Amino acid sequence: MLKAIPSLHPPSTKGQATPALQYLRLADLHKGGDSFNPREDEESAELLDTLFPALNTVGVYESYVSRVATWDSHWIMIEGCRKLLKQARVFSRL
């Protein structure tokens, strides 16, 4: 079950700056045999949502030379979790 952790997303106060990055592309350097589990996907999503609250999309450079396509499904999961966290955070402030 995914949920936003309120302590990670304190309400902003007037005059406080928040990161405005909206689009992020990463060069994923995982090797094909590295292990990665669903909890790490969720933790990555939480980290990205915390660091970049205005983020609209995150993904990997598909044309990166050392890219291993094995990790594509993990990035799809991370992006899905991040969007759910963002929606929960935005909805809770309405």
PDB file of N, CA and C in Angstrom:
ATOM      1  N   MET A   1       0.836  -1.180   0.000  1.00  0.00           N
ATOM      2  CA  MET A   1       0.000   0.000   0.000  1.00  0.00           C
ATOM      3  C   MET A   1       0.882   1.246   0.000  1.00  0.00           C
ATOM      4  N   LEU A   2       0.611   2.154  -0.891  1.00  0.00           N
ATOM      5  CA  LEU A   2       1.375   3.381  -0.976  1.00  0.00           C
ATOM      6  C   LEU A   2       0.644   4.502  -0.282  1.00  0.00           C
ATOM      7  N   LYS A   3       1.380   5.334   0.425  1.00  0.00           N
ATOM      8  CA  LYS A   3       0.778   6.512   1.022  1.00  0.00           C
ATOM      9  C   LYS A   3       1.839   7.588   1.154  1.00  0.00           C
ATOM     10  N   ALA A   4       1.408   8.810   1.107  1.00  0.00           N
ATOM     11  CA  ALA A   4       2.317   9.934   1.297  1.00  0.00           C
ATOM     12  C   ALA A   4       2.589  10.060   2.785  1.00  0.00           C
ATOM     13  N   ILE A   5       3.836  10.307   3.122  1.00  0.00           N
ATOM     14  CA  ILE A   5       4.208  10.487   4.517  1.00  0.00           C
ATOM     15  C   ILE A   5       4.218  11.983   4.792  1.00  0.00           C
ATOM     16  N   PRO A   6       3.265  12.480   5.606  1.00  0.00           N
ATOM     17  CA  PRO A   6       3.144  13.923   5.812  1.00  0.00           C
ATOM     18  C   PRO A   6       4.424  14.597   6.278  1.00  0.00           C
ATOM     19  N   SER A   7       5.233  13.922   7.075  1.00  0.00           N
ATOM     20  CA  SER A   7       6.449  14.548   7.572  1.00  0.00           C
ATOM     21  C   SER A   7       7.452  14.850   6.452  1.00  0.00           C
ATOM     22  N   LEU A   8       7.343  14.135   5.332  1.00  0.00           N
ATOM     23  CA  LEU A   8       8.228  14.399   4.207  1.00  0.00           C
ATOM     24  C   LEU A   8       7.779  15.600   3.392  1.00  0.00           C
ATOM     25  N   HIS A   9       6.532  16.005   3.562  1.00  0.00           N
ATOM     26  CA  HIS A   9       5.967  17.082   2.762  1.00  0.00           C
ATOM     27  C   HIS A   9       5.353  18.151   3.658  1.00  0.00           C
ATOM     28  N   PRO A  10       6.185  18.883   4.419  1.00  0.00           N
ATOM     29  CA  PRO A  10       5.603  19.922   5.271  1.00  0.00           C
ATOM     30  C   PRO A  10       4.986  21.013   4.411  1.00  0.00           C
ATOM     31  N   PRO A  11       3.919  21.635   4.898  1.00  0.00           N
ATOM     32  CA  PRO A  11       3.317  22.711   4.112  1.00  0.00           C
ATOM     33  C   PRO A  11       4.311  23.846   3.933  1.00  0.00           C
ATOM     34  N   SER A  12       4.354  24.402   2.741  1.00  0.00           N
ATOM     35  CA  SER A  12       5.286  25.505   2.504  1.00  0.00           C
ATOM     36  C   SER A  12       4.739  26.780   3.131  1.00  0.00           C
ATOM     37  N   THR A  13       5.631  27.639   3.540  1.00  0.00           N
ATOM     38  CA  THR A  13       5.246  28.914   4.115  1.00  0.00           C
ATOM     39  C   THR A  13       5.521  30.011   3.106  1.00  0.00           C
ATOM     40  N   LYS A  14       4.876  31.132   3.288  1.00  0.00           N
ATOM     41  CA  LYS A  14       5.021  32.238   2.350  1.00  0.00           C
ATOM     42  C   LYS A  14       6.486  32.648   2.254  1.00  0.00           C
ATOM     43  N   GLY A  15       6.968  32.785   1.031  1.00  0.00           N
ATOM     44  CA  GLY A  15       8.350  33.204   0.819  1.00  0.00           C
ATOM     45  C   GLY A  15       9.347  32.056   0.797  1.00  0.00           C
ATOM     46  N   GLN A  16       8.907  30.854   1.134  1.00  0.00           N
ATOM     47  CA  GLN A  16       9.814  29.707   1.134  1.00  0.00           C
ATOM     48  C   GLN A  16       9.928  29.161  -0.285  1.00  0.00           C
ATOM     49  N   ALA A  17      11.148  28.968  -0.739  1.00  0.00           N
ATOM     50  CA  ALA A  17      11.371  28.461  -2.092  1.00  0.00           C
ATOM     51  C   ALA A  17      11.166  26.953  -2.133  1.00  0.00           C
ATOM     52  N   THR A  18      10.593  26.465  -3.218  1.00  0.00           N
ATOM     53  CA  THR A  18      10.485  25.030  -3.445  1.00  0.00           C
ATOM     54  C   THR A  18      11.106  24.734  -4.795  1.00  0.00           C
ATOM     55  N   PRO A  19      11.748  23.587  -4.939  1.00  0.00           N
ATOM     56  CA  PRO A  19      12.351  23.249  -6.225  1.00  0.00           C
ATOM     57  C   PRO A  19      11.298  23.266  -7.335  1.00  0.00           C
ATOM     58  N   ALA A  20      11.620  23.894  -8.441  1.00  0.00           N
ATOM     59  CA  ALA A  20      10.660  24.058  -9.535  1.00  0.00           C
ATOM     60  C   ALA A  20      10.935  23.137 -10.712  1.00  0.00           C
ATOM     61  N   LEU A  21      11.851  22.203 -10.563  1.00  0.00           N
ATOM     62  CA  LEU A  21      12.166  21.285 -11.652  1.00  0.00           C
ATOM     63  C   LEU A  21      10.921  20.506 -12.052  1.00  0.00           C
ATOM     64  N   GLN A  22      10.592  20.524 -13.349  1.00  0.00           N
ATOM     65  CA  GLN A  22       9.380  19.855 -13.807  1.00  0.00           C
ATOM     66  C   GLN A  22       9.655  18.601 -14.631  1.00  0.00           C
ATOM     67  N   TYR A  23      10.808  18.515 -15.273  1.00  0.00           N
ATOM     68  CA  TYR A  23      11.139  17.374 -16.132  1.00  0.00           C
ATOM     69  C   TYR A  23      12.535  16.886 -15.795  1.00  0.00           C
ATOM     70  N   LEU A  24      12.684  15.588 -15.585  1.00  0.00           N
ATOM     71  CA  LEU A  24      13.966  15.016 -15.193  1.00  0.00           C
ATOM     72  C   LEU A  24      14.231  13.774 -16.033  1.00  0.00           C
ATOM     73  N   ARG A  25      15.401  13.726 -16.655  1.00  0.00           N
ATOM     74  CA  ARG A  25      15.865  12.551 -17.390  1.00  0.00           C
ATOM     75  C   ARG A  25      17.165  12.093 -16.750  1.00  0.00           C
ATOM     76  N   LEU A  26      17.278  10.813 -16.499  1.00  0.00           N
ATOM     77  CA  LEU A  26      18.429  10.233 -15.821  1.00  0.00           C
ATOM     78  C   LEU A  26      19.178   9.274 -16.728  1.00  0.00           C
ATOM     79  N   ALA A  27      20.463   9.170 -16.506  1.00  0.00           N
ATOM     80  CA  ALA A  27      21.271   8.139 -17.148  1.00  0.00           C
ATOM     81  C   ALA A  27      21.404   7.008 -16.118  1.00  0.00           C
ATOM     82  N   ASP A  28      20.628   5.958 -16.284  1.00  0.00           N
ATOM     83  CA  ASP A  28      20.632   4.833 -15.347  1.00  0.00           C
ATOM     84  C   ASP A  28      21.851   3.965 -15.610  1.00  0.00           C
ATOM     85  N   LEU A  29      22.720   3.846 -14.608  1.00  0.00           N
ATOM     86  CA  LEU A  29      23.966   3.098 -14.769  1.00  0.00           C
ATOM     87  C   LEU A  29      23.933   1.717 -14.119  1.00  0.00           C
ATOM     88  N   HIS A  30      22.732   1.208 -13.803  1.00  0.00           N
ATOM     89  CA  HIS A  30      22.632  -0.144 -13.253  1.00  0.00           C
ATOM     90  C   HIS A  30      23.197  -1.155 -14.240  1.00  0.00           C
ATOM     91  N   LYS A  31      23.832  -2.162 -13.699  1.00  0.00           N
ATOM     92  CA  LYS A  31      24.285  -3.287 -14.525  1.00  0.00           C
ATOM     93  C   LYS A  31      23.140  -4.284 -14.631  1.00  0.00           C
ATOM     94  N   GLY A  32      23.159  -5.114 -15.634  1.00  0.00           N
ATOM     95  CA  GLY A  32      22.094  -6.084 -15.863  1.00  0.00           C
ATOM     96  C   GLY A  32      21.866  -7.051 -14.725  1.00  0.00           C
ATOM     97  N   GLY A  33      22.898  -7.412 -13.962  1.00  0.00           N
ATOM     98  CA  GLY A  33      22.760  -8.397 -12.902  1.00  0.00           C
ATOM     99  C   GLY A  33      22.502  -7.811 -11.523  1.00  0.00           C
ATOM    100  N   ASP A  34      22.457  -6.488 -11.401  1.00  0.00           N
ATOM    101  CA  ASP A  34      22.179  -5.860 -10.104  1.00  0.00           C
ATOM    102  C   ASP A  34      20.806  -6.273  -9.603  1.00  0.00           C
ATOM    103  N   SER A  35      20.679  -6.369  -8.285  1.00  0.00           N
ATOM    104  CA  SER A  35      19.363  -6.672  -7.731  1.00  0.00           C
ATOM    105  C   SER A  35      18.670  -5.367  -7.337  1.00  0.00           C
ATOM    106  N   PHE A  36      17.367  -5.326  -7.477  1.00  0.00           N
ATOM    107  CA  PHE A  36      16.571  -4.146  -7.180  1.00  0.00           C
ATOM    108  C   PHE A  36      15.194  -4.659  -6.842  1.00  0.00           C
ATOM    109  N   ASN A  37      14.603  -4.197  -5.748  1.00  0.00           N
ATOM    110  CA  ASN A  37      13.307  -4.747  -5.352  1.00  0.00           C
ATOM    111  C   ASN A  37      12.227  -3.671  -5.340  1.00  0.00           C
ATOM    112  N   PRO A  38      10.958  -4.088  -5.256  1.00  0.00           N
ATOM    113  CA  PRO A  38       9.855  -3.122  -5.294  1.00  0.00           C
ATOM    114  C   PRO A  38       9.923  -2.060  -4.202  1.00  0.00           C
ATOM    115  N   ARG A  39      10.414  -2.410  -3.024  1.00  0.00           N
ATOM    116  CA  ARG A  39      10.517  -1.411  -1.939  1.00  0.00           C
ATOM    117  C   ARG A  39      11.487  -0.305  -2.348  1.00  0.00           C
ATOM    118  N   GLU A  40      12.560  -0.655  -3.033  1.00  0.00           N
ATOM    119  CA  GLU A  40      13.507   0.359  -3.500  1.00  0.00           C
ATOM    120  C   GLU A  40      12.869   1.244  -4.568  1.00  0.00           C
ATOM    121  N   ASP A  41      11.970   0.686  -5.364  1.00  0.00           N
ATOM    122  CA  ASP A  41      11.214   1.501  -6.318  1.00  0.00           C
ATOM    123  C   ASP A  41      10.387   2.548  -5.574  1.00  0.00           C
ATOM    124  N   GLU A  42       9.690   2.119  -4.528  1.00  0.00           N
ATOM    125  CA  GLU A  42       8.864   3.030  -3.734  1.00  0.00           C
ATOM    126  C   GLU A  42       9.720   4.093  -3.048  1.00  0.00           C
ATOM    127  N   GLU A  43      10.861   3.681  -2.499  1.00  0.00           N
ATOM    128  CA  GLU A  43      11.753   4.641  -1.833  1.00  0.00           C
ATOM    129  C   GLU A  43      12.302   5.661  -2.820  1.00  0.00           C
ATOM    130  N   SER A  44      12.616   5.216  -4.022  1.00  0.00           N
ATOM    131  CA  SER A  44      13.090   6.134  -5.057  1.00  0.00           C
ATOM    132  C   SER A  44      11.996   7.136  -5.421  1.00  0.00           C
ATOM    133  N   ALA A  45      10.766   6.652  -5.529  1.00  0.00           N
ATOM    134  CA  ALA A  45       9.630   7.532  -5.833  1.00  0.00           C
ATOM    135  C   ALA A  45       9.425   8.563  -4.729  1.00  0.00           C
ATOM    136  N   GLU A  46       9.511   8.126  -3.467  1.00  0.00           N
ATOM    137  CA  GLU A  46       9.359   9.043  -2.331  1.00  0.00           C
ATOM    138  C   GLU A  46      10.460  10.099  -2.328  1.00  0.00           C
ATOM    139  N   LEU A  47      11.685   9.690  -2.611  1.00  0.00           N
ATOM    140  CA  LEU A  47      12.797  10.619  -2.654  1.00  0.00           C
ATOM    141  C   LEU A  47      12.592  11.665  -3.750  1.00  0.00           C
ATOM    142  N   LEU A  48      12.239  11.214  -4.943  1.00  0.00           N
ATOM    143  CA  LEU A  48      12.020  12.145  -6.053  1.00  0.00           C
ATOM    144  C   LEU A  48      10.870  13.110  -5.758  1.00  0.00           C
ATOM    145  N   ASP A  49       9.794  12.609  -5.155  1.00  0.00           N
ATOM    146  CA  ASP A  49       8.661  13.474  -4.833  1.00  0.00           C
ATOM    147  C   ASP A  49       9.020  14.489  -3.753  1.00  0.00           C
ATOM    148  N   THR A  50       9.857  14.089  -2.820  1.00  0.00           N
ATOM    149  CA  THR A  50      10.282  14.993  -1.755  1.00  0.00           C
ATOM    150  C   THR A  50      11.228  16.068  -2.275  1.00  0.00           C
ATOM    151  N   LEU A  51      12.196  15.658  -3.075  1.00  0.00           N
ATOM    152  CA  LEU A  51      13.189  16.615  -3.587  1.00  0.00           C
ATOM    153  C   LEU A  51      12.630  17.539  -4.656  1.00  0.00           C
ATOM    154  N   PHE A  52      11.716  17.022  -5.467  1.00  0.00           N
ATOM    155  CA  PHE A  52      11.195  17.783  -6.608  1.00  0.00           C
ATOM    156  C   PHE A  52       9.666  17.758  -6.608  1.00  0.00           C
ATOM    157  N   PRO A  53       9.019  18.513  -5.723  1.00  0.00           N
ATOM    158  CA  PRO A  53       7.561  18.457  -5.608  1.00  0.00           C
ATOM    159  C   PRO A  53       6.817  18.925  -6.854  1.00  0.00           C
ATOM    160  N   ALA A  54       7.432  19.723  -7.714  1.00  0.00           N
ATOM    161  CA  ALA A  54       6.763  20.219  -8.922  1.00  0.00           C
ATOM    162  C   ALA A  54       7.017  19.321 -10.132  1.00  0.00           C
ATOM    163  N   LEU A  55       7.735  18.229  -9.941  1.00  0.00           N
ATOM    164  CA  LEU A  55       8.117  17.359 -11.048  1.00  0.00           C
ATOM    165  C   LEU A  55       6.893  16.787 -11.764  1.00  0.00           C
ATOM    166  N   ASN A  56       6.876  16.910 -13.102  1.00  0.00           N
ATOM    167  CA  ASN A  56       5.796  16.346 -13.910  1.00  0.00           C
ATOM    168  C   ASN A  56       6.157  14.973 -14.449  1.00  0.00           C
ATOM    169  N   THR A  57       7.382  14.802 -14.916  1.00  0.00           N
ATOM    170  CA  THR A  57       7.800  13.506 -15.434  1.00  0.00           C
ATOM    171  C   THR A  57       9.255  13.221 -15.072  1.00  0.00           C
ATOM    172  N   VAL A  58       9.529  11.938 -14.910  1.00  0.00           N
ATOM    173  CA  VAL A  58      10.896  11.464 -14.712  1.00  0.00           C
ATOM    174  C   VAL A  58      11.061  10.234 -15.595  1.00  0.00           C
ATOM    175  N   GLY A  59      12.225  10.103 -16.179  1.00  0.00           N
ATOM    176  CA  GLY A  59      12.487   8.951 -17.027  1.00  0.00           C
ATOM    177  C   GLY A  59      13.972   8.814 -17.285  1.00  0.00           C
ATOM    178  N   VAL A  60      14.321   7.855 -18.096  1.00  0.00           N
ATOM    179  CA  VAL A  60      15.729   7.620 -18.410  1.00  0.00           C
ATOM    180  C   VAL A  60      16.012   7.996 -19.856  1.00  0.00           C
ATOM    181  N   TYR A  61      17.256   8.373 -20.089  1.00  0.00           N
ATOM    182  CA  TYR A  61      17.694   8.606 -21.467  1.00  0.00           C
ATOM    183  C   TYR A  61      17.693   7.270 -22.185  1.00  0.00           C
ATOM    184  N   GLU A  62      16.878   7.129 -23.199  1.00  0.00           N
ATOM    185  CA  GLU A  62      16.790   5.862 -23.914  1.00  0.00           C
ATOM    186  C   GLU A  62      17.971   5.641 -24.848  1.00  0.00           C
ATOM    187  N   SER A  63      18.628   6.704 -25.256  1.00  0.00           N
ATOM    188  CA  SER A  63      19.743   6.563 -26.193  1.00  0.00           C
ATOM    189  C   SER A  63      21.103   6.557 -25.487  1.00  0.00           C
ATOM    190  N   TYR A  64      21.103   6.470 -24.144  1.00  0.00           N
ATOM    191  CA  TYR A  64      22.353   6.457 -23.402  1.00  0.00           C
ATOM    192  C   TYR A  64      23.144   5.205 -23.762  1.00  0.00           C
ATOM    193  N   VAL A  65      24.427   5.345 -24.013  1.00  0.00           N
ATOM    194  CA  VAL A  65      25.269   4.255 -24.519  1.00  0.00           C
ATOM    195  C   VAL A  65      25.260   3.022 -23.612  1.00  0.00           C
ATOM    196  N   SER A  66      25.410   3.206 -22.294  1.00  0.00           N
ATOM    197  CA  SER A  66      25.509   2.075 -21.370  1.00  0.00           C
ATOM    198  C   SER A  66      24.163   1.631 -20.809  1.00  0.00           C
ATOM    199  N   ARG A  67      23.073   2.077 -21.391  1.00  0.00           N
ATOM    200  CA  ARG A  67      21.742   1.769 -20.873  1.00  0.00           C
ATOM    201  C   ARG A  67      21.437   0.286 -20.989  1.00  0.00           C
ATOM    202  N   VAL A  68      20.874  -0.267 -19.879  1.00  0.00           N
ATOM    203  CA  VAL A  68      20.428  -1.661 -19.870  1.00  0.00           C
ATOM    204  C   VAL A  68      18.904  -1.632 -19.763  1.00  0.00           C
ATOM    205  N   ALA A  69      18.207  -2.146 -20.770  1.00  0.00           N
ATOM    206  CA  ALA A  69      16.744  -2.076 -20.833  1.00  0.00           C
ATOM    207  C   ALA A  69      16.056  -2.867 -19.720  1.00  0.00           C
ATOM    208  N   THR A  70      16.798  -3.713 -19.013  1.00  0.00           N
ATOM    209  CA  THR A  70      16.242  -4.505 -17.917  1.00  0.00           C
ATOM    210  C   THR A  70      15.552  -3.624 -16.891  1.00  0.00           C
ATOM    211  N   TRP A  71      16.037  -2.406 -16.725  1.00  0.00           N
ATOM    212  CA  TRP A  71      15.544  -1.525 -15.664  1.00  0.00           C
ATOM    213  C   TRP A  71      14.348  -0.689 -16.078  1.00  0.00           C
ATOM    214  N   ASP A  72      13.905  -0.786 -17.332  1.00  0.00           N
ATOM    215  CA  ASP A  72      12.775   0.014 -17.802  1.00  0.00           C
ATOM    216  C   ASP A  72      11.524  -0.200 -16.950  1.00  0.00           C
ATOM    217  N   SER A  73      11.229  -1.445 -16.619  1.00  0.00           N
ATOM    218  CA  SER A  73      10.025  -1.723 -15.823  1.00  0.00           C
ATOM    219  C   SER A  73      10.117  -1.094 -14.433  1.00  0.00           C
ATOM    220  N   HIS A  74      11.322  -1.013 -13.881  1.00  0.00           N
ATOM    221  CA  HIS A  74      11.486  -0.370 -12.574  1.00  0.00           C
ATOM    222  C   HIS A  74      11.218   1.126 -12.670  1.00  0.00           C
ATOM    223  N   TRP A  75      11.686   1.746 -13.731  1.00  0.00           N
ATOM    224  CA  TRP A  75      11.445   3.189 -13.888  1.00  0.00           C
ATOM    225  C   TRP A  75       9.975   3.478 -14.144  1.00  0.00           C
ATOM    226  N   ILE A  76       9.279   2.577 -14.813  1.00  0.00           N
ATOM    227  CA  ILE A  76       7.839   2.736 -14.999  1.00  0.00           C
ATOM    228  C   ILE A  76       7.145   2.659 -13.640  1.00  0.00           C
ATOM    229  N   MET A  77       7.577   1.725 -12.793  1.00  0.00           N
ATOM    230  CA  MET A  77       7.017   1.583 -11.448  1.00  0.00           C
ATOM    231  C   MET A  77       7.332   2.807 -10.589  1.00  0.00           C
ATOM    232  N   ILE A  78       8.564   3.267 -10.641  1.00  0.00           N
ATOM    233  CA  ILE A  78       8.970   4.447  -9.868  1.00  0.00           C
ATOM    234  C   ILE A  78       8.135   5.651 -10.275  1.00  0.00           C
ATOM    235  N   GLU A  79       7.966   5.857 -11.577  1.00  0.00           N
ATOM    236  CA  GLU A  79       7.185   6.993 -12.070  1.00  0.00           C
ATOM    237  C   GLU A  79       5.721   6.874 -11.645  1.00  0.00           C
ATOM    238  N   GLY A  80       5.163   5.679 -11.703  1.00  0.00           N
ATOM    239  CA  GLY A  80       3.783   5.479 -11.263  1.00  0.00           C
ATOM    240  C   GLY A  80       3.604   5.765  -9.779  1.00  0.00           C
ATOM    241  N   CYS A  81       4.519   5.272  -8.964  1.00  0.00           N
ATOM    242  CA  CYS A  81       4.465   5.524  -7.517  1.00  0.00           C
ATOM    243  C   CYS A  81       4.633   7.005  -7.217  1.00  0.00           C
ATOM    244  N   ARG A  82       5.561   7.653  -7.917  1.00  0.00           N
ATOM    245  CA  ARG A  82       5.803   9.081  -7.693  1.00  0.00           C
ATOM    246  C   ARG A  82       4.565   9.902  -8.019  1.00  0.00           C
ATOM    247  N   LYS A  83       3.884   9.548  -9.110  1.00  0.00           N
ATOM    248  CA  LYS A  83       2.666  10.274  -9.480  1.00  0.00           C
ATOM    249  C   LYS A  83       1.565  10.069  -8.436  1.00  0.00           C
ATOM    250  N   LEU A  84       1.438   8.859  -7.898  1.00  0.00           N
ATOM    251  CA  LEU A  84       0.449   8.609  -6.845  1.00  0.00           C
ATOM    252  C   LEU A  84       0.771   9.420  -5.595  1.00  0.00           C
ATOM    253  N   LEU A  85       2.031   9.463  -5.213  1.00  0.00           N
ATOM    254  CA  LEU A  85       2.435  10.251  -4.050  1.00  0.00           C
ATOM    255  C   LEU A  85       2.139  11.732  -4.259  1.00  0.00           C
ATOM    256  N   LYS A  86       2.435  12.225  -5.451  1.00  0.00           N
ATOM    257  CA  LYS A  86       2.176  13.637  -5.757  1.00  0.00           C
ATOM    258  C   LYS A  86       0.680  13.924  -5.697  1.00  0.00           C
ATOM    259  N   GLN A  87      -0.141  13.045  -6.276  1.00  0.00           N
ATOM    260  CA  GLN A  87      -1.582  13.246  -6.230  1.00  0.00           C
ATOM    261  C   GLN A  87      -2.102  13.241  -4.804  1.00  0.00           C
ATOM    262  N   ALA A  88      -1.612  12.331  -3.983  1.00  0.00           N
ATOM    263  CA  ALA A  88      -2.047  12.270  -2.572  1.00  0.00           C
ATOM    264  C   ALA A  88      -1.634  13.551  -1.841  1.00  0.00           C
ATOM    265  N   ARG A  89      -0.441  14.041  -2.104  1.00  0.00           N
ATOM    266  CA  ARG A  89       0.045  15.257  -1.457  1.00  0.00           C
ATOM    267  C   ARG A  89      -0.780  16.467  -1.889  1.00  0.00           C
ATOM    268  N   VAL A  90      -1.017  16.603  -3.183  1.00  0.00           N
ATOM    269  CA  VAL A  90      -1.781  17.741  -3.705  1.00  0.00           C
ATOM    270  C   VAL A  90      -3.240  17.663  -3.229  1.00  0.00           C
ATOM    271  N   PHE A  91      -3.823  16.481  -3.285  1.00  0.00           N
ATOM    272  CA  PHE A  91      -5.212  16.311  -2.873  1.00  0.00           C
ATOM    273  C   PHE A  91      -5.391  16.632  -1.393  1.00  0.00           C
ATOM    274  N   SER A  92      -4.425  16.257  -0.561  1.00  0.00           N
ATOM    275  CA  SER A  92      -4.557  16.489   0.895  1.00  0.00           C
ATOM    276  C   SER A  92      -4.516  17.969   1.242  1.00  0.00           C
ATOM    277  N   ARG A  93      -4.012  18.795   0.326  1.00  0.00           N
ATOM    278  CA  ARG A  93      -3.935  20.247   0.583  1.00  0.00           C
ATOM    279  C   ARG A  93      -5.161  21.001   0.094  1.00  0.00           C
ATOM    280  N   LEU A  94      -6.064  20.318  -0.598  1.00  0.00           N
ATOM    281  CA  LEU A  94      -7.269  20.983  -1.104  1.00  0.00           C
ATOM    282  C   LEU A  94      -8.271  21.233  -0.025  1.00  0.00           C
TER     283      LEU A  94
END
